[in-house]
């Protein structure tokens, strides 16, 4: 599996994100999906992440796209899984 650093981020950035994560911060917009948008998000995620092998990452991918992301988020999830 990847990490923030292996994806090209700095150790300082990784530390910052970890502190924010532990504090419960959210970096995702508040936009949400209707049924059609959620199905589109699922289709994008399916192109990059195998749901059966990585069910939580797959659900996170859908959430990310439904809350302001795009297909590049699915590609990033796949890169993280390496």
PDB file of N, CA and C in Angstrom:
ATOM      1  N   UNK A   1       0.822  -1.193   0.000  1.00  0.00           N
ATOM      2  CA  UNK A   1       0.000   0.000   0.000  1.00  0.00           C
ATOM      3  C   UNK A   1       0.864   1.254   0.000  1.00  0.00           C
ATOM      4  N   UNK A   2       0.316   2.324  -0.517  1.00  0.00           N
ATOM      5  CA  UNK A   2       1.027   3.579  -0.564  1.00  0.00           C
ATOM      6  C   UNK A   2       0.795   4.424   0.665  1.00  0.00           C
ATOM      7  N   UNK A   3       1.490   5.517   0.708  1.00  0.00           N
ATOM      8  CA  UNK A   3       1.308   6.502   1.762  1.00  0.00           C
ATOM      9  C   UNK A   3       1.390   7.875   1.120  1.00  0.00           C
ATOM     10  N   UNK A   4       1.130   8.898   1.894  1.00  0.00           N
ATOM     11  CA  UNK A   4       1.218  10.250   1.367  1.00  0.00           C
ATOM     12  C   UNK A   4       2.612  10.500   0.794  1.00  0.00           C
ATOM     13  N   UNK A   5       3.629  10.032   1.484  1.00  0.00           N
ATOM     14  CA  UNK A   5       5.004  10.254   1.041  1.00  0.00           C
ATOM     15  C   UNK A   5       5.295   9.480  -0.239  1.00  0.00           C
ATOM     16  N   UNK A   6       4.864   8.213  -0.333  1.00  0.00           N
ATOM     17  CA  UNK A   6       5.139   7.435  -1.543  1.00  0.00           C
ATOM     18  C   UNK A   6       4.361   7.967  -2.742  1.00  0.00           C
ATOM     19  N   UNK A   7       3.307   8.736  -2.495  1.00  0.00           N
ATOM     20  CA  UNK A   7       2.555   9.365  -3.582  1.00  0.00           C
ATOM     21  C   UNK A   7       3.147  10.710  -3.976  1.00  0.00           C
ATOM     22  N   UNK A   8       4.249  11.084  -3.336  1.00  0.00           N
ATOM     23  CA  UNK A   8       4.931  12.314  -3.707  1.00  0.00           C
ATOM     24  C   UNK A   8       4.808  13.438  -2.702  1.00  0.00           C
ATOM     25  N   UNK A   9       4.088  13.204  -1.620  1.00  0.00           N
ATOM     26  CA  UNK A   9       3.952  14.228  -0.586  1.00  0.00           C
ATOM     27  C   UNK A   9       5.149  14.246   0.342  1.00  0.00           C
ATOM     28  N   UNK A  10       5.251  15.290   1.113  1.00  0.00           N
ATOM     29  CA  UNK A  10       6.372  15.432   2.038  1.00  0.00           C
ATOM     30  C   UNK A  10       6.046  14.781   3.375  1.00  0.00           C
ATOM     31  N   UNK A  11       7.072  14.409   4.146  1.00  0.00           N
ATOM     32  CA  UNK A  11       6.825  13.902   5.504  1.00  0.00           C
ATOM     33  C   UNK A  11       6.084  14.930   6.358  1.00  0.00           C
ATOM     34  N   UNK A  12       6.401  16.207   6.194  1.00  0.00           N
ATOM     35  CA  UNK A  12       5.700  17.240   6.962  1.00  0.00           C
ATOM     36  C   UNK A  12       4.220  17.278   6.583  1.00  0.00           C
ATOM     37  N   UNK A  13       3.935  17.137   5.282  1.00  0.00           N
ATOM     38  CA  UNK A  13       2.541  17.097   4.837  1.00  0.00           C
ATOM     39  C   UNK A  13       1.811  15.887   5.391  1.00  0.00           C
ATOM     40  N   UNK A  14       2.495  14.749   5.396  1.00  0.00           N
ATOM     41  CA  UNK A  14       1.898  13.524   5.940  1.00  0.00           C
ATOM     42  C   UNK A  14       1.571  13.701   7.414  1.00  0.00           C
ATOM     43  N   UNK A  15       2.478  14.315   8.146  1.00  0.00           N
ATOM     44  CA  UNK A  15       2.258  14.554   9.575  1.00  0.00           C
ATOM     45  C   UNK A  15       1.066  15.490   9.792  1.00  0.00           C
ATOM     46  N   UNK A  16       0.992  16.558   9.009  1.00  0.00           N
ATOM     47  CA  UNK A  16      -0.124  17.499   9.098  1.00  0.00           C
ATOM     48  C   UNK A  16      -1.456  16.790   8.837  1.00  0.00           C
ATOM     49  N   UNK A  17      -1.516  16.021   7.744  1.00  0.00           N
ATOM     50  CA  UNK A  17      -2.756  15.322   7.406  1.00  0.00           C
ATOM     51  C   UNK A  17      -3.139  14.317   8.477  1.00  0.00           C
ATOM     52  N   UNK A  18      -2.156  13.627   9.045  1.00  0.00           N
ATOM     53  CA  UNK A  18      -2.446  12.658  10.100  1.00  0.00           C
ATOM     54  C   UNK A  18      -3.028  13.361  11.331  1.00  0.00           C
ATOM     55  N   UNK A  19      -2.454  14.493  11.714  1.00  0.00           N
ATOM     56  CA  UNK A  19      -2.990  15.243  12.870  1.00  0.00           C
ATOM     57  C   UNK A  19      -4.418  15.695  12.598  1.00  0.00           C
ATOM     58  N   UNK A  20      -4.679  16.189  11.391  1.00  0.00           N
ATOM     59  CA  UNK A  20      -6.032  16.632  11.044  1.00  0.00           C
ATOM     60  C   UNK A  20      -7.004  15.450  11.030  1.00  0.00           C
ATOM     61  N   UNK A  21      -6.536  14.317  10.500  1.00  0.00           N
ATOM     62  CA  UNK A  21      -7.380  13.118  10.471  1.00  0.00           C
ATOM     63  C   UNK A  21      -7.737  12.689  11.892  1.00  0.00           C
ATOM     64  N   UNK A  22      -6.747  12.661  12.773  1.00  0.00           N
ATOM     65  CA  UNK A  22      -6.992  12.256  14.160  1.00  0.00           C
ATOM     66  C   UNK A  22      -7.946  13.223  14.863  1.00  0.00           C
ATOM     67  N   UNK A  23      -7.923  14.481  14.456  1.00  0.00           N
ATOM     68  CA  UNK A  23      -8.809  15.478  15.044  1.00  0.00           C
ATOM     69  C   UNK A  23     -10.210  15.439  14.435  1.00  0.00           C
ATOM     70  N   UNK A  24     -10.388  14.596  13.407  1.00  0.00           N
ATOM     71  CA  UNK A  24     -11.700  14.453  12.793  1.00  0.00           C
ATOM     72  C   UNK A  24     -12.003  15.484  11.726  1.00  0.00           C
ATOM     73  N   UNK A  25     -10.976  16.166  11.229  1.00  0.00           N
ATOM     74  CA  UNK A  25     -11.187  17.179  10.186  1.00  0.00           C
ATOM     75  C   UNK A  25     -11.584  16.516   8.878  1.00  0.00           C
ATOM     76  N   UNK A  26     -12.360  17.219   8.095  1.00  0.00           N
ATOM     77  CA  UNK A  26     -12.764  16.750   6.777  1.00  0.00           C
ATOM     78  C   UNK A  26     -12.221  17.710   5.731  1.00  0.00           C
ATOM     79  N   UNK A  27     -11.619  17.146   4.677  1.00  0.00           N
ATOM     80  CA  UNK A  27     -11.075  17.955   3.597  1.00  0.00           C
ATOM     81  C   UNK A  27     -11.955  17.888   2.360  1.00  0.00           C
ATOM     82  N   UNK A  28     -13.127  17.327   2.486  1.00  0.00           N
ATOM     83  CA  UNK A  28     -14.006  17.101   1.349  1.00  0.00           C
ATOM     84  C   UNK A  28     -15.145  18.099   1.402  1.00  0.00           C
ATOM     85  N   UNK A  29     -15.592  18.549   0.252  1.00  0.00           N
ATOM     86  CA  UNK A  29     -16.702  19.479   0.185  1.00  0.00           C
ATOM     87  C   UNK A  29     -17.990  18.872   0.721  1.00  0.00           C
ATOM     88  N   UNK A  30     -19.002  19.685   0.826  1.00  0.00           N
ATOM     89  CA  UNK A  30     -20.274  19.227   1.383  1.00  0.00           C
ATOM     90  C   UNK A  30     -21.286  18.841   0.312  1.00  0.00           C
ATOM     91  N   UNK A  31     -20.892  18.924  -0.939  1.00  0.00           N
ATOM     92  CA  UNK A  31     -21.775  18.530  -2.037  1.00  0.00           C
ATOM     93  C   UNK A  31     -22.118  17.039  -1.890  1.00  0.00           C
ATOM     94  N   UNK A  32     -23.284  16.643  -2.331  1.00  0.00           N
ATOM     95  CA  UNK A  32     -23.658  15.233  -2.277  1.00  0.00           C
ATOM     96  C   UNK A  32     -24.251  14.794  -3.607  1.00  0.00           C
ATOM     97  N   UNK A  33     -24.465  13.496  -3.749  1.00  0.00           N
ATOM     98  CA  UNK A  33     -24.951  12.923  -5.012  1.00  0.00           C
ATOM     99  C   UNK A  33     -26.418  12.537  -4.942  1.00  0.00           C
ATOM    100  N   UNK A  34     -27.090  12.679  -6.067  1.00  0.00           N
ATOM    101  CA  UNK A  34     -28.387  12.034  -6.210  1.00  0.00           C
ATOM    102  C   UNK A  34     -28.102  10.621  -6.745  1.00  0.00           C
ATOM    103  N   UNK A  35     -29.128   9.829  -6.976  1.00  0.00           N
ATOM    104  CA  UNK A  35     -28.926   8.434  -7.393  1.00  0.00           C
ATOM    105  C   UNK A  35     -28.127   8.316  -8.691  1.00  0.00           C
ATOM    106  N   UNK A  36     -28.425   9.148  -9.661  1.00  0.00           N
ATOM    107  CA  UNK A  36     -27.717   9.084 -10.951  1.00  0.00           C
ATOM    108  C   UNK A  36     -26.245   9.462 -10.783  1.00  0.00           C
ATOM    109  N   UNK A  37     -25.972  10.477  -9.979  1.00  0.00           N
ATOM    110  CA  UNK A  37     -24.590  10.886  -9.742  1.00  0.00           C
ATOM    111  C   UNK A  37     -23.820   9.816  -8.970  1.00  0.00           C
ATOM    112  N   UNK A  38     -24.507   9.173  -8.021  1.00  0.00           N
ATOM    113  CA  UNK A  38     -23.846   8.108  -7.269  1.00  0.00           C
ATOM    114  C   UNK A  38     -23.503   6.934  -8.191  1.00  0.00           C
ATOM    115  N   UNK A  39     -24.397   6.602  -9.102  1.00  0.00           N
ATOM    116  CA  UNK A  39     -24.104   5.516 -10.049  1.00  0.00           C
ATOM    117  C   UNK A  39     -22.939   5.897 -10.956  1.00  0.00           C
ATOM    118  N   UNK A  40     -22.869   7.149 -11.348  1.00  0.00           N
ATOM    119  CA  UNK A  40     -21.742   7.622 -12.150  1.00  0.00           C
ATOM    120  C   UNK A  40     -20.437   7.527 -11.350  1.00  0.00           C
ATOM    121  N   UNK A  41     -20.499   7.886 -10.075  1.00  0.00           N
ATOM    122  CA  UNK A  41     -19.323   7.771  -9.198  1.00  0.00           C
ATOM    123  C   UNK A  41     -18.902   6.308  -9.075  1.00  0.00           C
ATOM    124  N   UNK A  42     -19.875   5.418  -8.907  1.00  0.00           N
ATOM    125  CA  UNK A  42     -19.576   3.978  -8.832  1.00  0.00           C
ATOM    126  C   UNK A  42     -18.867   3.507 -10.105  1.00  0.00           C
ATOM    127  N   UNK A  43     -19.356   3.966 -11.250  1.00  0.00           N
ATOM    128  CA  UNK A  43     -18.758   3.561 -12.524  1.00  0.00           C
ATOM    129  C   UNK A  43     -17.310   4.050 -12.611  1.00  0.00           C
ATOM    130  N   UNK A  44     -17.071   5.276 -12.182  1.00  0.00           N
ATOM    131  CA  UNK A  44     -15.701   5.808 -12.185  1.00  0.00           C
ATOM    132  C   UNK A  44     -14.805   5.001 -11.254  1.00  0.00           C
ATOM    133  N   UNK A  45     -15.309   4.691 -10.080  1.00  0.00           N
ATOM    134  CA  UNK A  45     -14.517   3.934  -9.104  1.00  0.00           C
ATOM    135  C   UNK A  45     -14.246   2.520  -9.600  1.00  0.00           C
ATOM    136  N   UNK A  46     -15.239   1.908 -10.248  1.00  0.00           N
ATOM    137  CA  UNK A  46     -15.073   0.552 -10.788  1.00  0.00           C
ATOM    138  C   UNK A  46     -13.942   0.472 -11.803  1.00  0.00           C
ATOM    139  N   UNK A  47     -13.701   1.553 -12.521  1.00  0.00           N
ATOM    140  CA  UNK A  47     -12.623   1.570 -13.516  1.00  0.00           C
ATOM    141  C   UNK A  47     -11.252   1.440 -12.866  1.00  0.00           C
ATOM    142  N   UNK A  48     -11.144   1.826 -11.602  1.00  0.00           N
ATOM    143  CA  UNK A  48      -9.837   1.933 -10.955  1.00  0.00           C
ATOM    144  C   UNK A  48      -9.645   1.049  -9.725  1.00  0.00           C
ATOM    145  N   UNK A  49     -10.731   0.727  -9.021  1.00  0.00           N
ATOM    146  CA  UNK A  49     -10.639   0.004  -7.748  1.00  0.00           C
ATOM    147  C   UNK A  49     -11.528  -1.231  -7.807  1.00  0.00           C
ATOM    148  N   UNK A  50     -10.967  -2.387  -7.462  1.00  0.00           N
ATOM    149  CA  UNK A  50     -11.763  -3.618  -7.433  1.00  0.00           C
ATOM    150  C   UNK A  50     -12.546  -3.685  -6.130  1.00  0.00           C
ATOM    151  N   UNK A  51     -13.860  -3.576  -6.242  1.00  0.00           N
ATOM    152  CA  UNK A  51     -14.733  -3.532  -5.069  1.00  0.00           C
ATOM    153  C   UNK A  51     -14.567  -4.761  -4.184  1.00  0.00           C
ATOM    154  N   UNK A  52     -14.480  -5.945  -4.782  1.00  0.00           N
ATOM    155  CA  UNK A  52     -14.385  -7.181  -4.003  1.00  0.00           C
ATOM    156  C   UNK A  52     -13.081  -7.252  -3.212  1.00  0.00           C
ATOM    157  N   UNK A  53     -11.989  -6.731  -3.775  1.00  0.00           N
ATOM    158  CA  UNK A  53     -10.685  -6.793  -3.102  1.00  0.00           C
ATOM    159  C   UNK A  53     -10.491  -5.677  -2.091  1.00  0.00           C
ATOM    160  N   UNK A  54     -11.092  -4.520  -2.348  1.00  0.00           N
ATOM    161  CA  UNK A  54     -10.885  -3.337  -1.503  1.00  0.00           C
ATOM    162  C   UNK A  54     -12.219  -2.645  -1.243  1.00  0.00           C
ATOM    163  N   UNK A  55     -13.135  -3.308  -0.526  1.00  0.00           N
ATOM    164  CA  UNK A  55     -14.483  -2.745  -0.377  1.00  0.00           C
ATOM    165  C   UNK A  55     -14.515  -1.382   0.318  1.00  0.00           C
ATOM    166  N   UNK A  56     -13.684  -1.172   1.326  1.00  0.00           N
ATOM    167  CA  UNK A  56     -13.721   0.112   2.019  1.00  0.00           C
ATOM    168  C   UNK A  56     -13.157   1.226   1.139  1.00  0.00           C
ATOM    169  N   UNK A  57     -12.082   0.939   0.424  1.00  0.00           N
ATOM    170  CA  UNK A  57     -11.515   1.938  -0.485  1.00  0.00           C
ATOM    171  C   UNK A  57     -12.529   2.268  -1.588  1.00  0.00           C
ATOM    172  N   UNK A  58     -13.246   1.256  -2.066  1.00  0.00           N
ATOM    173  CA  UNK A  58     -14.263   1.471  -3.090  1.00  0.00           C
ATOM    174  C   UNK A  58     -15.354   2.414  -2.574  1.00  0.00           C
ATOM    175  N   UNK A  59     -15.843   2.163  -1.357  1.00  0.00           N
ATOM    176  CA  UNK A  59     -16.872   3.033  -0.771  1.00  0.00           C
ATOM    177  C   UNK A  59     -16.331   4.441  -0.538  1.00  0.00           C
ATOM    178  N   UNK A  60     -15.083   4.522  -0.084  1.00  0.00           N
ATOM    179  CA  UNK A  60     -14.464   5.833   0.123  1.00  0.00           C
ATOM    180  C   UNK A  60     -14.344   6.582  -1.201  1.00  0.00           C
ATOM    181  N   UNK A  61     -14.026   5.871  -2.267  1.00  0.00           N
ATOM    182  CA  UNK A  61     -13.925   6.464  -3.597  1.00  0.00           C
ATOM    183  C   UNK A  61     -15.262   7.080  -4.003  1.00  0.00           C
ATOM    184  N   UNK A  62     -16.335   6.336  -3.823  1.00  0.00           N
ATOM    185  CA  UNK A  62     -17.671   6.848  -4.157  1.00  0.00           C
ATOM    186  C   UNK A  62     -17.967   8.092  -3.337  1.00  0.00           C
ATOM    187  N   UNK A  63     -17.686   8.024  -2.047  1.00  0.00           N
ATOM    188  CA  UNK A  63     -17.922   9.170  -1.167  1.00  0.00           C
ATOM    189  C   UNK A  63     -17.146  10.383  -1.666  1.00  0.00           C
ATOM    190  N   UNK A  64     -15.864  10.185  -1.965  1.00  0.00           N
ATOM    191  CA  UNK A  64     -15.020  11.300  -2.400  1.00  0.00           C
ATOM    192  C   UNK A  64     -15.551  11.957  -3.668  1.00  0.00           C
ATOM    193  N   UNK A  65     -15.950  11.140  -4.641  1.00  0.00           N
ATOM    194  CA  UNK A  65     -16.465  11.690  -5.887  1.00  0.00           C
ATOM    195  C   UNK A  65     -17.809  12.377  -5.652  1.00  0.00           C
ATOM    196  N   UNK A  66     -18.641  11.803  -4.805  1.00  0.00           N
ATOM    197  CA  UNK A  66     -19.950  12.398  -4.517  1.00  0.00           C
ATOM    198  C   UNK A  66     -19.848  13.697  -3.713  1.00  0.00           C
ATOM    199  N   UNK A  67     -18.727  13.917  -3.089  1.00  0.00           N
ATOM    200  CA  UNK A  67     -18.571  15.108  -2.260  1.00  0.00           C
ATOM    201  C   UNK A  67     -17.550  16.070  -2.846  1.00  0.00           C
ATOM    202  N   UNK A  68     -17.534  16.156  -4.169  1.00  0.00           N
ATOM    203  CA  UNK A  68     -16.745  17.185  -4.811  1.00  0.00           C
ATOM    204  C   UNK A  68     -15.561  16.708  -5.620  1.00  0.00           C
ATOM    205  N   UNK A  69     -15.246  15.420  -5.582  1.00  0.00           N
ATOM    206  CA  UNK A  69     -14.116  14.915  -6.347  1.00  0.00           C
ATOM    207  C   UNK A  69     -14.497  14.598  -7.779  1.00  0.00           C
ATOM    208  N   UNK A  70     -13.529  14.057  -8.506  1.00  0.00           N
ATOM    209  CA  UNK A  70     -13.776  13.612  -9.870  1.00  0.00           C
ATOM    210  C   UNK A  70     -13.044  12.286 -10.074  1.00  0.00           C
ATOM    211  N   UNK A  71     -12.991  11.819 -11.314  1.00  0.00           N
ATOM    212  CA  UNK A  71     -12.403  10.503 -11.560  1.00  0.00           C
ATOM    213  C   UNK A  71     -10.928  10.434 -11.153  1.00  0.00           C
ATOM    214  N   UNK A  72     -10.257  11.579 -11.092  1.00  0.00           N
ATOM    215  CA  UNK A  72      -8.858  11.565 -10.648  1.00  0.00           C
ATOM    216  C   UNK A  72      -8.747  11.055  -9.212  1.00  0.00           C
ATOM    217  N   UNK A  73      -9.817  11.205  -8.422  1.00  0.00           N
ATOM    218  CA  UNK A  73      -9.804  10.669  -7.056  1.00  0.00           C
ATOM    219  C   UNK A  73      -9.773   9.143  -7.098  1.00  0.00           C
ATOM    220  N   UNK A  74     -10.497   8.553  -8.030  1.00  0.00           N
ATOM    221  CA  UNK A  74     -10.491   7.090  -8.185  1.00  0.00           C
ATOM    222  C   UNK A  74      -9.105   6.626  -8.636  1.00  0.00           C
ATOM    223  N   UNK A  75      -8.491   7.353  -9.541  1.00  0.00           N
ATOM    224  CA  UNK A  75      -7.141   7.010  -9.990  1.00  0.00           C
ATOM    225  C   UNK A  75      -6.141   7.114  -8.851  1.00  0.00           C
ATOM    226  N   UNK A  76      -6.300   8.120  -8.003  1.00  0.00           N
ATOM    227  CA  UNK A  76      -5.422   8.275  -6.844  1.00  0.00           C
ATOM    228  C   UNK A  76      -5.601   7.121  -5.866  1.00  0.00           C
ATOM    229  N   UNK A  77      -6.831   6.671  -5.683  1.00  0.00           N
ATOM    230  CA  UNK A  77      -7.084   5.530  -4.800  1.00  0.00           C
ATOM    231  C   UNK A  77      -6.383   4.298  -5.342  1.00  0.00           C
ATOM    232  N   UNK A  78      -6.440   4.090  -6.648  1.00  0.00           N
ATOM    233  CA  UNK A  78      -5.766   2.949  -7.267  1.00  0.00           C
ATOM    234  C   UNK A  78      -4.259   3.064  -7.096  1.00  0.00           C
ATOM    235  N   UNK A  79      -3.715   4.255  -7.251  1.00  0.00           N
ATOM    236  CA  UNK A  79      -2.272   4.463  -7.064  1.00  0.00           C
ATOM    237  C   UNK A  79      -1.874   4.180  -5.623  1.00  0.00           C
ATOM    238  N   UNK A  80      -2.733   4.577  -4.684  1.00  0.00           N
ATOM    239  CA  UNK A  80      -2.471   4.332  -3.276  1.00  0.00           C
ATOM    240  C   UNK A  80      -2.411   2.832  -2.984  1.00  0.00           C
ATOM    241  N   UNK A  81      -3.305   2.095  -3.614  1.00  0.00           N
ATOM    242  CA  UNK A  81      -3.328   0.637  -3.404  1.00  0.00           C
ATOM    243  C   UNK A  81      -2.121  -0.034  -4.049  1.00  0.00           C
ATOM    244  N   UNK A  82      -1.575   0.644  -5.052  1.00  0.00           N
ATOM    245  CA  UNK A  82      -0.355   0.201  -5.733  1.00  0.00           C
ATOM    246  C   UNK A  82      -0.409  -1.141  -6.270  1.00  0.00           C
TER     247      UNK A  82
END
